[in-house]
């Protein structure tokens, strides 16, 4: 009888502890945040995912009544900034802006001090856009077919710029070259800003960045767009064909971004961040920015959906890396 009574007492105590933990978690979420939140973007300022991150961060700061600071930590295929977040306290105050480059790095970099997916928990997918193949106006090819013909006539002599080893720009071009049966020479830069500067100056003739950052350069005539990487034409550059239309069937790729937190971040904090991020993405200001830049926003994204998409992207790019033989140079 004494043992049975002791079991009841232990069960009662366990129940009280569970209630206390729930109440404590709710209180943490109610108080959160009590100081500024930092979003680490593992790319240089001005890149494809930098702009939308800053717009969303600005709206988040209004909703949370706290500063939301964007800090750029570029380098090594997004692994430097990503590792910093993976090893940060799991309290919701340090977040990671992940992209397709993180999915690529999971395969391309074999020796990492963190797990690119499993050391994080998803909050929300933020935005997605196609890439665009752009060339300097002095480059002879006026379309994708002419570029392919030039590259076949001069294997390895045409150079392309990317924002760095293992970046989306690197792998987008590697995939295109593989599917088109051509050889191009990769010129990795330390960030999209430097790559774009040299592209505009004609130092390197071609690149495949995110569409949003290139629209004004194309419309002003500083660059010429040959094709977009989406499944359909972009409304902001309606005269530019898709790669599928341009004669490269099956070629499709996207620049995307999403928010992650360190693993073990309290669930109530994650839920508050998810809820407020969704509200920020649904705000008129953010929606207007997305529309103006041909970005697809994701206010209805759930953590489970984002996690599944991230893992699908990792597996897809792993196959492409194997097929193309792409490597860190």
Foldseek 3Di string as FASTA:
>chain_A
DVVVVVVVVVVVVVVVVVVVVVVVLLVLLVPPPPAEAEEEEQFDPPAPVNVLVVLLQVLLCVVRVYHYHYHYNYDDLSQVSQVVQLPDDLARRYKYKDKLSLLQCQQQPPDHPDHSQVQWFFQFWFWKFWWFKKWFPVDPDQAPVSVLVVQVVPAAPAEEEDQAASYPFQLLVLLVCLLSVGHYHYDYHPHPVVRVVCRLVVVHTITIGTQLSCLVCCVVNSIPTHAIQAPAAFPSCNVHHHVCVRPRPPRHDMITIGMIHGPPNRPSNSNSSNQSSLVSCVDPSSVVVCNVRSMDTDSPGHSVNVSVVSNVSSVVSNVSCVSSVRHHD
